[in-house]
């Protein structure tokens, strides 16, 4: 197929691995775009809820799910899909792929829909995907989007990146009147933007929680984006990608909205919440808390200075107090912007 075709053939059957709020919202997107969807859930109560109520009560209550979405607990069932959306959390991606890949045919598109960097290795999720599923077509979907907004059919735009021929087919497969994917082939840029923004959103939440004012939060947001761009340049991400939906767009949403788990996590930390309470089992997942040390480790490996990300990682580890963080950043050497 010509990569510039104005009529790319959609995938008729989409698999979704992970039935949390985001996975369920994406399954709904695919179904409303006219696709048949197989939705894999780890929890039996999720499958039971979807079958009996046509609703994922545990994770996305209130959103009616059409009959085109078939829930399953058998991961091998996903092998029947023409493209698979991977919505496992970043730190569980490698294990999820180990369970899924043996069932797959070669060249099936695997679309990363979680955001983060693998702890321990410092690898972006695109790199983990390349290691664990080298015979599959790598892709990634990211952008400023909340599951509730998508499920309520509020206008949402995202980026889907892959080899361009694959990207435009995925674009056609998921597009409908309230969900608009933009196609790209810059997987590195989309992966970086989605991962780093969660870390910086925690920082912006801390500033707001401490009552340091809108001026401080705006300055932190702008300088955070500058850090992200420095690392992006080193890893080969395109500047237009980082300026787009999956970079700046996602950063602004995640670092300013109280509906963002990462911003809310930082806000509570800035308000004086104890770290052990925020990390307690059952607390909302703030992916940036896991990504921060991985992001700074990757930056060190690339010889890139990320002072804001380092300060946030040190706060999260308990080696830097909130009170000491701001003076540390403000005392950095003066330089031109």
Protein backbone atom coordinates (compact mmCIF):
# COMPACT_ATOMS: atom_id res chain seq x y z
CA UNK A 1 0.00 0.00 0.00
CA UNK A 2 1.23 3.49 -0.84
CA UNK A 3 2.12 5.29 2.39
CA UNK A 4 0.46 8.42 1.03
CA UNK A 5 -2.80 6.64 0.23
CA UNK A 6 -5.85 8.70 1.10
CA UNK A 7 -7.81 5.48 1.56
CA UNK A 8 -5.79 3.19 3.86
CA UNK A 9 -7.46 -0.09 4.73
CA UNK A 10 -8.45 -0.18 8.43
CA UNK A 11 -7.75 -3.21 10.56
CA UNK A 12 -11.09 -4.93 11.12
CA UNK A 13 -10.18 -6.71 14.38
CA UNK A 14 -8.34 -4.87 17.17
CA UNK A 15 -7.00 -6.54 20.31
CA UNK A 16 -6.50 -4.62 23.55
CA UNK A 17 -4.21 -6.00 26.25
CA UNK A 18 -5.21 -4.42 29.56
CA UNK A 19 -8.73 -3.52 30.71
CA UNK A 20 -8.07 -0.69 33.11
CA UNK A 21 -9.67 2.68 32.45
CA UNK A 22 -7.42 3.58 29.50
CA UNK A 23 -7.54 0.15 27.89
CA UNK A 24 -11.32 0.10 28.17
CA UNK A 25 -11.60 3.63 26.72
CA UNK A 26 -9.42 2.62 23.76
CA UNK A 27 -11.50 -0.52 23.24
CA UNK A 28 -14.55 1.75 23.10
CA UNK A 29 -12.78 4.01 20.58
CA UNK A 30 -12.03 1.05 18.31
CA UNK A 31 -15.57 -0.31 18.58
CA UNK A 32 -17.10 3.08 17.80
CA UNK A 33 -14.79 3.34 14.79
CA UNK A 34 -16.44 0.16 13.49
CA UNK A 35 -13.94 -2.49 14.58
CA UNK A 36 -14.45 -5.80 16.33
CA UNK A 37 -12.51 -5.71 19.61
CA UNK A 38 -11.08 -8.41 21.86
CA UNK A 39 -10.33 -6.94 25.30
CA UNK A 40 -8.04 -8.95 27.56
CA UNK A 41 -8.46 -8.44 31.31
CA UNK A 42 -6.48 -9.98 34.12
CA UNK A 43 -9.38 -9.70 36.57
CA UNK A 44 -12.34 -12.11 36.22
CA UNK A 45 -14.68 -9.52 37.72
CA UNK A 46 -13.94 -7.17 34.82
CA UNK A 47 -14.91 -9.80 32.23
CA UNK A 48 -18.03 -10.68 34.22
CA UNK A 49 -19.02 -7.02 34.49
CA UNK A 50 -18.62 -6.40 30.76
CA UNK A 51 -20.55 -9.55 29.82
CA UNK A 52 -23.43 -9.03 32.24
CA UNK A 53 -23.72 -5.22 32.34
CA UNK A 54 -21.85 -4.07 29.20
CA UNK A 55 -19.83 -1.89 31.55
CA UNK A 56 -16.38 -2.12 33.16
CA UNK A 57 -17.67 -1.30 36.64
CA UNK A 58 -14.32 -1.68 38.47
CA UNK A 59 -12.36 0.72 36.23
CA UNK A 60 -14.65 2.78 33.99
CA UNK A 61 -18.12 2.78 35.47
CA UNK A 62 -20.86 4.59 33.59
CA UNK A 63 -19.45 3.98 30.10
CA UNK A 64 -21.64 1.59 28.14
CA UNK A 65 -19.61 -0.87 26.06
CA UNK A 66 -21.08 -2.18 22.79
CA UNK A 67 -21.40 -5.84 21.88
CA UNK A 68 -18.47 -5.42 19.48
CA UNK A 69 -16.18 -5.56 22.54
CA UNK A 70 -15.57 -9.16 23.60
CA UNK A 71 -13.83 -9.57 26.99
CA UNK A 72 -11.47 -12.48 27.63
CA UNK A 73 -9.02 -13.75 30.23
CA UNK A 74 -7.24 -15.95 27.68
CA UNK A 75 -4.31 -13.94 26.35
CA UNK A 76 -3.93 -16.36 23.42
CA UNK A 77 -7.27 -15.09 22.10
CA UNK A 78 -5.55 -11.83 21.15
CA UNK A 79 -3.68 -13.73 18.43
CA UNK A 80 -6.80 -13.43 16.28
CA UNK A 81 -6.50 -9.64 16.13
CA UNK A 82 -4.91 -7.83 13.19
CA UNK A 83 -3.36 -5.18 15.48
CA UNK A 84 -2.98 -5.13 19.27
CA UNK A 85 -3.01 -2.15 21.63
CA UNK A 86 -0.70 -2.77 24.61
CA UNK A 87 -2.11 -0.98 27.66
CA UNK A 88 -0.12 -2.79 30.36
CA UNK A 89 1.64 -0.39 32.78
CA UNK A 90 5.17 0.47 31.74
CA UNK A 91 6.88 -1.53 34.49
CA UNK A 92 4.86 -4.64 33.57
CA UNK A 93 5.30 -4.41 29.80
CA UNK A 94 8.15 -6.92 29.56
CA UNK A 95 6.19 -9.58 31.46
CA UNK A 96 3.07 -8.91 29.39
CA UNK A 97 5.01 -9.32 26.15
CA UNK A 98 6.57 -12.55 27.40
CA UNK A 99 3.06 -13.96 27.84
CA UNK A 100 1.67 -12.56 24.57
CA UNK A 101 4.39 -12.89 21.92
CA UNK A 102 4.50 -16.72 21.70
CA UNK A 103 0.92 -16.64 20.41
CA UNK A 104 1.46 -14.03 17.68
CA UNK A 105 2.12 -14.23 13.98
CA UNK A 106 5.07 -12.27 12.57
CA UNK A 107 4.59 -8.62 11.63
CA UNK A 108 1.42 -8.01 13.65
CA UNK A 109 1.41 -4.35 14.78
CA UNK A 110 1.88 -3.95 18.55
CA UNK A 111 0.86 -0.47 19.70
CA UNK A 112 2.28 0.84 22.97
CA UNK A 113 -0.39 2.81 24.82
CA UNK A 114 1.27 3.11 28.25
CA UNK A 115 3.84 5.78 29.07
CA UNK A 116 7.10 5.37 30.92
CA UNK A 117 10.69 4.18 30.97
CA UNK A 118 11.69 0.76 32.28
CA UNK A 119 13.33 0.91 35.68
CA UNK A 120 16.61 -0.90 36.00
CA UNK A 121 17.42 -0.73 32.29
CA UNK A 122 16.54 2.90 31.46
CA UNK A 123 15.01 1.72 28.20
CA UNK A 124 12.13 3.48 26.52
CA UNK A 125 9.10 1.26 25.98
CA UNK A 126 9.79 1.23 22.24
CA UNK A 127 13.18 -0.28 23.02
CA UNK A 128 11.64 -2.89 25.33
CA UNK A 129 9.17 -3.76 22.56
CA UNK A 130 12.00 -4.14 20.05
CA UNK A 131 13.84 -6.52 22.38
CA UNK A 132 10.83 -8.66 23.32
CA UNK A 133 8.96 -8.73 20.00
CA UNK A 134 11.51 -8.18 17.21
CA UNK A 135 9.34 -9.86 14.57
CA UNK A 136 6.34 -7.60 15.20
CA UNK A 137 5.61 -4.13 13.83
CA UNK A 138 6.35 -1.57 16.59
CA UNK A 139 3.94 1.33 17.11
CA UNK A 140 3.01 3.78 19.84
CA UNK A 141 -0.08 5.86 20.65
CA UNK A 142 0.23 8.88 22.93
CA UNK A 143 -1.11 12.38 23.44
CA UNK A 144 -3.17 14.61 25.73
CA UNK A 145 -6.00 12.28 26.71
CA UNK A 146 -7.87 11.19 29.82
CA UNK A 147 -9.82 7.92 29.75
CA UNK A 148 -12.96 9.56 31.15
CA UNK A 149 -12.93 12.26 28.47
CA UNK A 150 -12.54 9.65 25.74
CA UNK A 151 -15.30 7.46 27.20
CA UNK A 152 -17.61 10.49 27.39
CA UNK A 153 -16.91 11.12 23.70
CA UNK A 154 -15.31 14.49 24.34
CA UNK A 155 -13.06 15.69 21.48
CA UNK A 156 -9.58 14.15 21.79
CA UNK A 157 -6.55 14.15 19.51
CA UNK A 158 -3.50 11.89 19.84
CA UNK A 159 -0.45 10.82 17.85
CA UNK A 160 0.02 7.28 16.57
CA UNK A 161 3.55 6.52 15.40
CA UNK A 162 4.83 3.55 13.42
CA UNK A 163 6.32 2.80 10.04
CA UNK A 164 4.15 5.19 8.03
CA UNK A 165 2.26 2.51 6.14
CA UNK A 166 1.25 0.99 9.49
CA UNK A 167 0.60 4.36 11.13
CA UNK A 168 -1.97 5.42 8.55
CA UNK A 169 -3.80 2.08 8.84
CA UNK A 170 -3.93 2.45 12.61
CA UNK A 171 -5.11 6.03 12.15
CA UNK A 172 -7.94 4.83 9.92
CA UNK A 173 -8.79 2.02 12.33
CA UNK A 174 -9.26 4.26 15.38
CA UNK A 175 -10.57 7.51 13.94
CA UNK A 176 -14.16 8.60 14.58
CA UNK A 177 -15.89 11.98 15.04
CA UNK A 178 -14.62 12.60 18.59
CA UNK A 179 -11.25 10.79 18.44
CA UNK A 180 -8.64 12.03 15.97
CA UNK A 181 -5.27 10.28 15.64
CA UNK A 182 -2.43 12.02 13.77
CA UNK A 183 0.02 9.69 12.00
CA UNK A 184 3.79 9.90 12.52
CA UNK A 185 6.85 7.73 12.06
CA UNK A 186 8.82 9.28 14.95
CA UNK A 187 8.53 6.52 17.56
CA UNK A 188 11.42 7.87 19.65
CA UNK A 189 9.88 11.32 19.99
CA UNK A 190 6.44 10.00 20.92
CA UNK A 191 7.94 7.58 23.47
CA UNK A 192 10.02 10.30 25.13
CA UNK A 193 7.21 12.83 25.34
CA UNK A 194 4.80 10.36 26.90
CA UNK A 195 7.33 9.16 29.47
CA UNK A 196 8.94 12.41 30.59
CA UNK A 197 5.76 14.45 30.96
CA UNK A 198 4.59 12.33 33.91
CA UNK A 199 7.76 13.17 35.85
CA UNK A 200 7.44 16.88 35.20
CA UNK A 201 3.72 16.79 36.04
CA UNK A 202 4.64 15.59 39.52
CA UNK A 203 7.00 18.58 39.84
CA UNK A 204 4.27 21.02 38.77
CA UNK A 205 1.90 19.43 41.27
CA UNK A 206 4.48 19.86 44.04
CA UNK A 207 4.85 23.56 43.21
CA UNK A 208 1.08 24.05 43.30
CA UNK A 209 0.69 22.04 46.50
CA UNK A 210 3.37 24.11 48.22
CA UNK A 211 1.54 27.30 47.24
CA UNK A 212 4.50 28.73 45.32
CA UNK A 213 2.24 30.49 42.80
CA UNK A 214 1.32 30.33 39.14
CA UNK A 215 4.49 32.14 38.06
CA UNK A 216 6.68 29.44 39.59
CA UNK A 217 4.58 26.68 38.06
CA UNK A 218 4.74 28.29 34.60
CA UNK A 219 8.52 28.68 34.88
CA UNK A 220 8.89 25.04 35.94
CA UNK A 221 6.69 23.88 33.07
CA UNK A 222 8.67 25.87 30.48
CA UNK A 223 12.08 24.75 31.75
CA UNK A 224 10.84 21.15 32.01
CA UNK A 225 9.97 21.24 28.34
CA UNK A 226 13.44 22.60 27.57
CA UNK A 227 14.94 19.61 29.41
CA UNK A 228 12.74 17.20 27.49
CA UNK A 229 13.88 18.75 24.20
CA UNK A 230 17.57 18.45 25.15
CA UNK A 231 17.21 14.75 25.75
CA UNK A 232 15.06 14.39 22.65
CA UNK A 233 17.76 15.91 20.47
CA UNK A 234 20.30 13.42 21.83
CA UNK A 235 18.16 10.35 21.13
CA UNK A 236 17.11 11.46 17.66
CA UNK A 237 13.55 12.63 18.36
CA UNK A 238 12.23 15.24 15.95
CA UNK A 239 11.56 18.72 17.34
CA UNK A 240 8.16 18.92 15.62
CA UNK A 241 7.09 15.76 17.44
CA UNK A 242 8.08 17.19 20.81
CA UNK A 243 6.24 20.44 19.96
CA UNK A 244 3.12 18.46 19.05
CA UNK A 245 0.37 16.50 20.74
CA UNK A 246 2.54 13.74 22.21
CA UNK A 247 5.12 16.18 23.60
CA UNK A 248 4.09 19.69 24.60
CA UNK A 249 0.37 18.94 24.33
CA UNK A 250 0.51 16.00 26.70
CA UNK A 251 2.87 17.83 29.08
CA UNK A 252 0.53 20.82 29.39
CA UNK A 253 -2.50 18.62 30.10
CA UNK A 254 -0.78 16.35 32.59
CA UNK A 255 1.09 19.13 34.41
CA UNK A 256 -1.91 21.44 34.89
CA UNK A 257 -5.02 19.33 35.43
CA UNK A 258 -6.17 18.08 38.86
CA UNK A 259 -7.59 15.09 36.96
CA UNK A 260 -4.03 14.00 36.20
CA UNK A 261 -2.88 11.27 38.60
CA UNK A 262 0.71 12.51 38.38
CA UNK A 263 -0.18 16.15 39.04
CA UNK A 264 -2.45 15.09 41.92
CA UNK A 265 0.33 12.91 43.34
CA UNK A 266 2.73 15.87 43.31
CA UNK A 267 0.09 18.23 44.71
CA UNK A 268 -0.54 15.92 47.66
CA UNK A 269 3.21 15.64 48.22
CA UNK A 270 3.50 19.42 48.17
CA UNK A 271 0.66 19.65 50.67
CA UNK A 272 2.63 17.52 53.10
CA UNK A 273 1.31 14.01 52.43
CA UNK A 274 3.68 11.27 53.52
CA UNK A 275 5.53 9.46 50.76
CA UNK A 276 4.75 6.06 52.24
CA UNK A 277 1.02 6.83 52.14
CA UNK A 278 1.17 7.92 48.49
CA UNK A 279 3.06 4.74 47.57
CA UNK A 280 0.78 2.46 49.62
CA UNK A 281 -0.88 -0.50 47.83
CA UNK A 282 -4.20 0.51 46.35
CA UNK A 283 -3.19 4.14 45.85
CA UNK A 284 -3.76 5.60 42.35
CA UNK A 285 -0.95 4.76 39.95
CA UNK A 286 1.30 7.74 39.26
CA UNK A 287 3.57 6.37 36.55
CA UNK A 288 5.92 9.35 36.86
CA UNK A 289 7.02 8.17 40.30
CA UNK A 290 8.40 5.01 38.72
CA UNK A 291 9.70 6.81 35.65
CA UNK A 292 11.68 9.55 37.45
CA UNK A 293 14.70 7.44 38.46
CA UNK A 294 14.69 5.70 35.07
CA UNK A 295 14.58 9.04 33.23
CA UNK A 296 17.49 10.45 35.20
CA UNK A 297 19.49 7.25 34.72
CA UNK A 298 18.93 7.44 30.98
CA UNK A 299 19.93 11.12 30.95
CA UNK A 300 23.18 10.29 32.75
CA UNK A 301 23.90 7.56 30.22
CA UNK A 302 23.33 10.08 27.41
CA UNK A 303 25.42 12.76 29.23
CA UNK A 304 22.45 15.16 29.31
CA UNK A 305 21.81 17.42 32.31
CA UNK A 306 18.20 17.32 33.57
CA UNK A 307 18.29 19.30 36.84
CA UNK A 308 14.51 19.46 37.30
CA UNK A 309 14.03 15.74 36.68
CA UNK A 310 16.92 14.97 39.04
CA UNK A 311 15.38 17.14 41.78
CA UNK A 312 12.00 15.41 41.39
CA UNK A 313 13.64 11.97 41.49
CA UNK A 314 15.55 12.94 44.65
CA UNK A 315 12.35 14.21 46.30
CA UNK A 316 10.59 10.94 45.48
CA UNK A 317 13.48 8.89 46.86
CA UNK A 318 13.53 10.93 50.07
CA UNK A 319 17.08 12.22 49.59
CA UNK A 320 15.92 15.82 48.98
CA UNK A 321 13.35 17.73 51.02
CA UNK A 322 10.74 19.93 49.40
CA UNK A 323 12.17 22.94 51.22
CA UNK A 324 15.66 22.31 49.85
CA UNK A 325 14.57 21.59 46.27
CA UNK A 326 13.65 25.12 45.21
CA UNK A 327 16.87 26.76 46.48
CA UNK A 328 18.87 24.02 44.73
CA UNK A 329 17.23 24.80 41.41
CA UNK A 330 17.30 28.58 41.83
CA UNK A 331 21.00 28.53 42.76
CA UNK A 332 22.09 26.91 39.49
CA UNK A 333 24.55 28.94 37.40
CA UNK A 334 23.02 31.83 35.50
CA UNK A 335 22.93 31.36 31.75
CA UNK A 336 21.15 32.49 28.61
CA UNK A 337 17.89 30.83 27.66
